[in-house]
Amino acid sequence: MPPDLQNRFLAAVAQLVTALAARRADPPAGLRVKGVQGHPRVFELTFAPDGRATFEYGPEQRPGEAHIVWRRIGDHSIFRAP
C-alpha cells in the first residue's frame, strides 16, 4: 500500500480507537463503519476515497477494552474475500 494510504489508514485507526476508548455508541461518521453484507460480525471502514479495511471484534485482550482484528486493508478489491 502506498505511504499516503498507510498514513490515512493509521489516522482512521486512531479515530476508531479513540471512539472505542470513550465508549461512544457509534464510531466517527467520517469513517463510514458498517457491516459487510453476507459476512456476520465483519465490518468495513472507509479511510480514503479508494481505501477500505475490514475488521471484526475479537475477545478482549485487556479487560474493558475492545479488541480489533484487522482482516484486509487496501482498495475495493478487499471485498472479494472480506
N, C-alpha and C. Protein backbone atom coordinates (compact mmCIF):
# COMPACT_ATOMS: atom_id res chain seq x y z
N MET A 1 0.85 -1.17 0.00
CA MET A 1 0.00 0.00 0.00
C MET A 1 0.90 1.24 0.00
N PRO A 2 0.59 2.21 -0.82
CA PRO A 2 1.40 3.43 -0.87
C PRO A 2 1.42 4.15 0.49
N PRO A 3 2.51 4.87 0.77
CA PRO A 3 2.64 5.55 2.06
C PRO A 3 1.48 6.49 2.39
N ASP A 4 0.94 7.20 1.40
CA ASP A 4 -0.17 8.11 1.70
C ASP A 4 -1.40 7.35 2.20
N LEU A 5 -1.68 6.18 1.62
CA LEU A 5 -2.80 5.38 2.10
C LEU A 5 -2.50 4.78 3.47
N GLN A 6 -1.26 4.40 3.70
CA GLN A 6 -0.88 3.89 5.02
C GLN A 6 -1.12 4.95 6.08
N ASN A 7 -0.73 6.17 5.79
CA ASN A 7 -0.93 7.26 6.75
C ASN A 7 -2.41 7.53 7.00
N ARG A 8 -3.21 7.49 5.95
CA ARG A 8 -4.65 7.70 6.12
C ARG A 8 -5.27 6.57 6.94
N PHE A 9 -4.81 5.34 6.69
CA PHE A 9 -5.32 4.21 7.46
C PHE A 9 -4.97 4.36 8.94
N LEU A 10 -3.73 4.70 9.23
CA LEU A 10 -3.31 4.85 10.62
C LEU A 10 -4.08 5.98 11.32
N ALA A 11 -4.38 7.05 10.60
CA ALA A 11 -5.18 8.14 11.18
C ALA A 11 -6.59 7.66 11.48
N ALA A 12 -7.16 6.86 10.58
CA ALA A 12 -8.51 6.32 10.80
C ALA A 12 -8.52 5.36 11.99
N VAL A 13 -7.48 4.54 12.11
CA VAL A 13 -7.38 3.63 13.26
C VAL A 13 -7.35 4.43 14.56
N ALA A 14 -6.59 5.50 14.58
CA ALA A 14 -6.52 6.34 15.78
C ALA A 14 -7.89 6.91 16.13
N GLN A 15 -8.65 7.34 15.12
CA GLN A 15 -10.00 7.86 15.38
C GLN A 15 -10.91 6.78 15.94
N LEU A 16 -10.83 5.59 15.36
CA LEU A 16 -11.68 4.48 15.82
C LEU A 16 -11.31 4.08 17.25
N VAL A 17 -10.03 3.96 17.53
CA VAL A 17 -9.58 3.58 18.88
C VAL A 17 -10.01 4.63 19.90
N THR A 18 -9.89 5.89 19.55
CA THR A 18 -10.31 6.97 20.46
C THR A 18 -11.80 6.87 20.76
N ALA A 19 -12.60 6.62 19.73
CA ALA A 19 -14.05 6.49 19.92
C ALA A 19 -14.38 5.29 20.78
N LEU A 20 -13.70 4.17 20.55
CA LEU A 20 -13.96 2.98 21.36
C LEU A 20 -13.55 3.19 22.81
N ALA A 21 -12.41 3.85 23.02
CA ALA A 21 -11.95 4.12 24.39
C ALA A 21 -12.91 5.03 25.14
N ALA A 22 -13.54 5.96 24.40
CA ALA A 22 -14.51 6.88 25.01
C ALA A 22 -15.88 6.22 25.15
N ARG A 23 -15.97 4.99 24.68
CA ARG A 23 -17.23 4.20 24.74
C ARG A 23 -18.39 4.90 24.04
N ARG A 24 -18.08 5.53 22.92
CA ARG A 24 -19.13 6.15 22.11
C ARG A 24 -19.99 5.05 21.51
N ALA A 25 -21.26 5.34 21.37
CA ALA A 25 -22.18 4.35 20.81
C ALA A 25 -21.88 4.07 19.34
N ASP A 26 -21.45 5.09 18.63
CA ASP A 26 -21.17 4.95 17.20
C ASP A 26 -19.77 5.47 16.89
N PRO A 27 -19.08 4.83 15.95
CA PRO A 27 -17.77 5.35 15.54
C PRO A 27 -17.94 6.67 14.78
N PRO A 28 -16.88 7.43 14.60
CA PRO A 28 -16.99 8.69 13.86
C PRO A 28 -17.64 8.48 12.49
N ALA A 29 -18.58 9.34 12.15
CA ALA A 29 -19.34 9.19 10.90
C ALA A 29 -18.44 9.20 9.67
N GLY A 30 -17.36 9.95 9.71
CA GLY A 30 -16.46 10.05 8.57
C GLY A 30 -15.78 8.73 8.20
N LEU A 31 -15.75 7.79 9.14
CA LEU A 31 -15.12 6.50 8.87
C LEU A 31 -16.07 5.54 8.17
N ARG A 32 -17.35 5.88 8.15
CA ARG A 32 -18.37 5.07 7.48
C ARG A 32 -18.24 3.58 7.82
N VAL A 33 -18.22 3.29 9.12
CA VAL A 33 -18.15 1.90 9.57
C VAL A 33 -19.53 1.28 9.41
N LYS A 34 -19.56 0.11 8.78
CA LYS A 34 -20.83 -0.62 8.61
C LYS A 34 -20.52 -2.09 8.42
N GLY A 35 -21.54 -2.91 8.62
CA GLY A 35 -21.38 -4.35 8.45
C GLY A 35 -21.19 -4.72 6.99
N VAL A 36 -20.44 -5.80 6.77
CA VAL A 36 -20.23 -6.31 5.42
C VAL A 36 -21.35 -7.29 5.11
N GLN A 37 -22.09 -7.02 4.06
CA GLN A 37 -23.23 -7.84 3.68
C GLN A 37 -22.81 -9.29 3.45
N GLY A 38 -23.52 -10.20 4.08
CA GLY A 38 -23.27 -11.63 3.90
C GLY A 38 -22.15 -12.18 4.77
N HIS A 39 -21.57 -11.32 5.62
CA HIS A 39 -20.48 -11.76 6.49
C HIS A 39 -20.76 -11.25 7.91
N PRO A 40 -21.53 -12.02 8.67
CA PRO A 40 -21.85 -11.58 10.03
C PRO A 40 -20.58 -11.32 10.85
N ARG A 41 -20.62 -10.30 11.65
CA ARG A 41 -19.53 -9.93 12.56
C ARG A 41 -18.33 -9.29 11.86
N VAL A 42 -18.39 -9.10 10.54
CA VAL A 42 -17.30 -8.43 9.81
C VAL A 42 -17.79 -7.03 9.45
N PHE A 43 -16.94 -6.04 9.71
CA PHE A 43 -17.28 -4.65 9.44
C PHE A 43 -16.28 -4.06 8.45
N GLU A 44 -16.71 -3.02 7.77
CA GLU A 44 -15.80 -2.30 6.88
C GLU A 44 -15.65 -0.88 7.38
N LEU A 45 -14.51 -0.29 7.06
CA LEU A 45 -14.18 1.08 7.44
C LEU A 45 -13.60 1.76 6.21
N THR A 46 -14.01 2.99 5.97
CA THR A 46 -13.51 3.77 4.84
C THR A 46 -12.47 4.75 5.37
N PHE A 47 -11.27 4.73 4.80
CA PHE A 47 -10.23 5.65 5.27
C PHE A 47 -9.70 6.54 4.16
N ALA A 48 -10.16 6.35 2.92
CA ALA A 48 -9.77 7.18 1.78
C ALA A 48 -10.79 6.94 0.68
N PRO A 49 -10.81 7.77 -0.38
CA PRO A 49 -11.78 7.54 -1.45
C PRO A 49 -11.75 6.11 -1.99
N ASP A 50 -10.58 5.51 -2.10
CA ASP A 50 -10.48 4.11 -2.51
C ASP A 50 -9.68 3.33 -1.46
N GLY A 51 -9.90 3.66 -0.20
CA GLY A 51 -9.23 2.97 0.89
C GLY A 51 -10.25 2.33 1.81
N ARG A 52 -10.17 1.00 1.91
CA ARG A 52 -11.12 0.27 2.74
C ARG A 52 -10.36 -0.72 3.62
N ALA A 53 -10.95 -1.03 4.75
CA ALA A 53 -10.39 -2.06 5.62
C ALA A 53 -11.56 -2.85 6.20
N THR A 54 -11.36 -4.13 6.39
CA THR A 54 -12.36 -4.94 7.06
C THR A 54 -11.78 -5.42 8.38
N PHE A 55 -12.68 -5.56 9.36
CA PHE A 55 -12.24 -5.97 10.69
C PHE A 55 -13.38 -6.67 11.41
N GLU A 56 -13.03 -7.30 12.51
CA GLU A 56 -14.03 -7.88 13.40
C GLU A 56 -13.55 -7.63 14.83
N TYR A 57 -14.45 -7.76 15.76
CA TYR A 57 -14.08 -7.62 17.15
C TYR A 57 -13.71 -8.99 17.70
N GLY A 58 -12.56 -9.07 18.34
CA GLY A 58 -12.10 -10.32 18.93
C GLY A 58 -12.32 -10.30 20.44
N PRO A 59 -11.96 -11.39 21.10
CA PRO A 59 -12.08 -11.44 22.56
C PRO A 59 -11.18 -10.37 23.20
N GLU A 60 -11.63 -9.82 24.29
CA GLU A 60 -10.85 -8.80 24.99
C GLU A 60 -9.46 -9.34 25.32
N GLN A 61 -8.45 -8.53 25.04
CA GLN A 61 -7.09 -8.86 25.42
C GLN A 61 -6.71 -8.14 26.71
N ARG A 62 -7.36 -6.99 26.92
CA ARG A 62 -7.22 -6.21 28.15
C ARG A 62 -8.63 -5.96 28.66
N PRO A 63 -8.88 -6.25 29.92
CA PRO A 63 -10.24 -6.08 30.45
C PRO A 63 -10.82 -4.69 30.17
N GLY A 64 -12.02 -4.68 29.64
CA GLY A 64 -12.72 -3.43 29.38
C GLY A 64 -12.35 -2.73 28.09
N GLU A 65 -11.41 -3.28 27.30
CA GLU A 65 -11.01 -2.66 26.04
C GLU A 65 -11.42 -3.53 24.86
N ALA A 66 -11.97 -2.88 23.85
CA ALA A 66 -12.34 -3.61 22.63
C ALA A 66 -11.07 -4.10 21.94
N HIS A 67 -11.16 -5.26 21.33
CA HIS A 67 -10.02 -5.81 20.59
C HIS A 67 -10.42 -5.91 19.12
N ILE A 68 -9.68 -5.23 18.26
CA ILE A 68 -9.99 -5.21 16.83
C ILE A 68 -9.04 -6.16 16.11
N VAL A 69 -9.60 -7.03 15.29
CA VAL A 69 -8.81 -7.92 14.46
C VAL A 69 -8.96 -7.42 13.02
N TRP A 70 -7.90 -6.86 12.48
CA TRP A 70 -7.93 -6.35 11.11
C TRP A 70 -7.82 -7.53 10.16
N ARG A 71 -8.69 -7.57 9.17
CA ARG A 71 -8.73 -8.69 8.24
C ARG A 71 -8.04 -8.36 6.92
N ARG A 72 -8.52 -7.32 6.24
CA ARG A 72 -7.93 -6.93 4.96
C ARG A 72 -7.90 -5.41 4.89
N ILE A 73 -6.86 -4.87 4.27
CA ILE A 73 -6.69 -3.42 4.16
C ILE A 73 -6.21 -3.13 2.74
N GLY A 74 -6.85 -2.18 2.08
CA GLY A 74 -6.44 -1.83 0.72
C GLY A 74 -7.52 -1.06 0.00
N ASP A 75 -7.75 -1.43 -1.28
CA ASP A 75 -8.77 -0.76 -2.08
C ASP A 75 -10.03 -1.64 -2.12
N HIS A 76 -10.95 -1.32 -3.04
CA HIS A 76 -12.21 -2.07 -3.11
C HIS A 76 -12.03 -3.56 -3.37
N SER A 77 -10.89 -3.97 -3.87
CA SER A 77 -10.68 -5.39 -4.16
C SER A 77 -10.69 -6.25 -2.90
N ILE A 78 -10.57 -5.66 -1.74
CA ILE A 78 -10.58 -6.45 -0.50
C ILE A 78 -11.92 -7.13 -0.28
N PHE A 79 -12.96 -6.65 -0.93
CA PHE A 79 -14.30 -7.22 -0.71
C PHE A 79 -14.50 -8.54 -1.40
N ARG A 80 -13.56 -8.97 -2.22
CA ARG A 80 -13.67 -10.29 -2.83
C ARG A 80 -13.61 -11.38 -1.77
N ALA A 81 -12.87 -11.14 -0.70
CA ALA A 81 -12.77 -12.07 0.44
C ALA A 81 -12.56 -11.23 1.69
N PRO A 82 -13.66 -10.64 2.21
CA PRO A 82 -13.51 -9.68 3.32
C PRO A 82 -12.96 -10.33 4.57
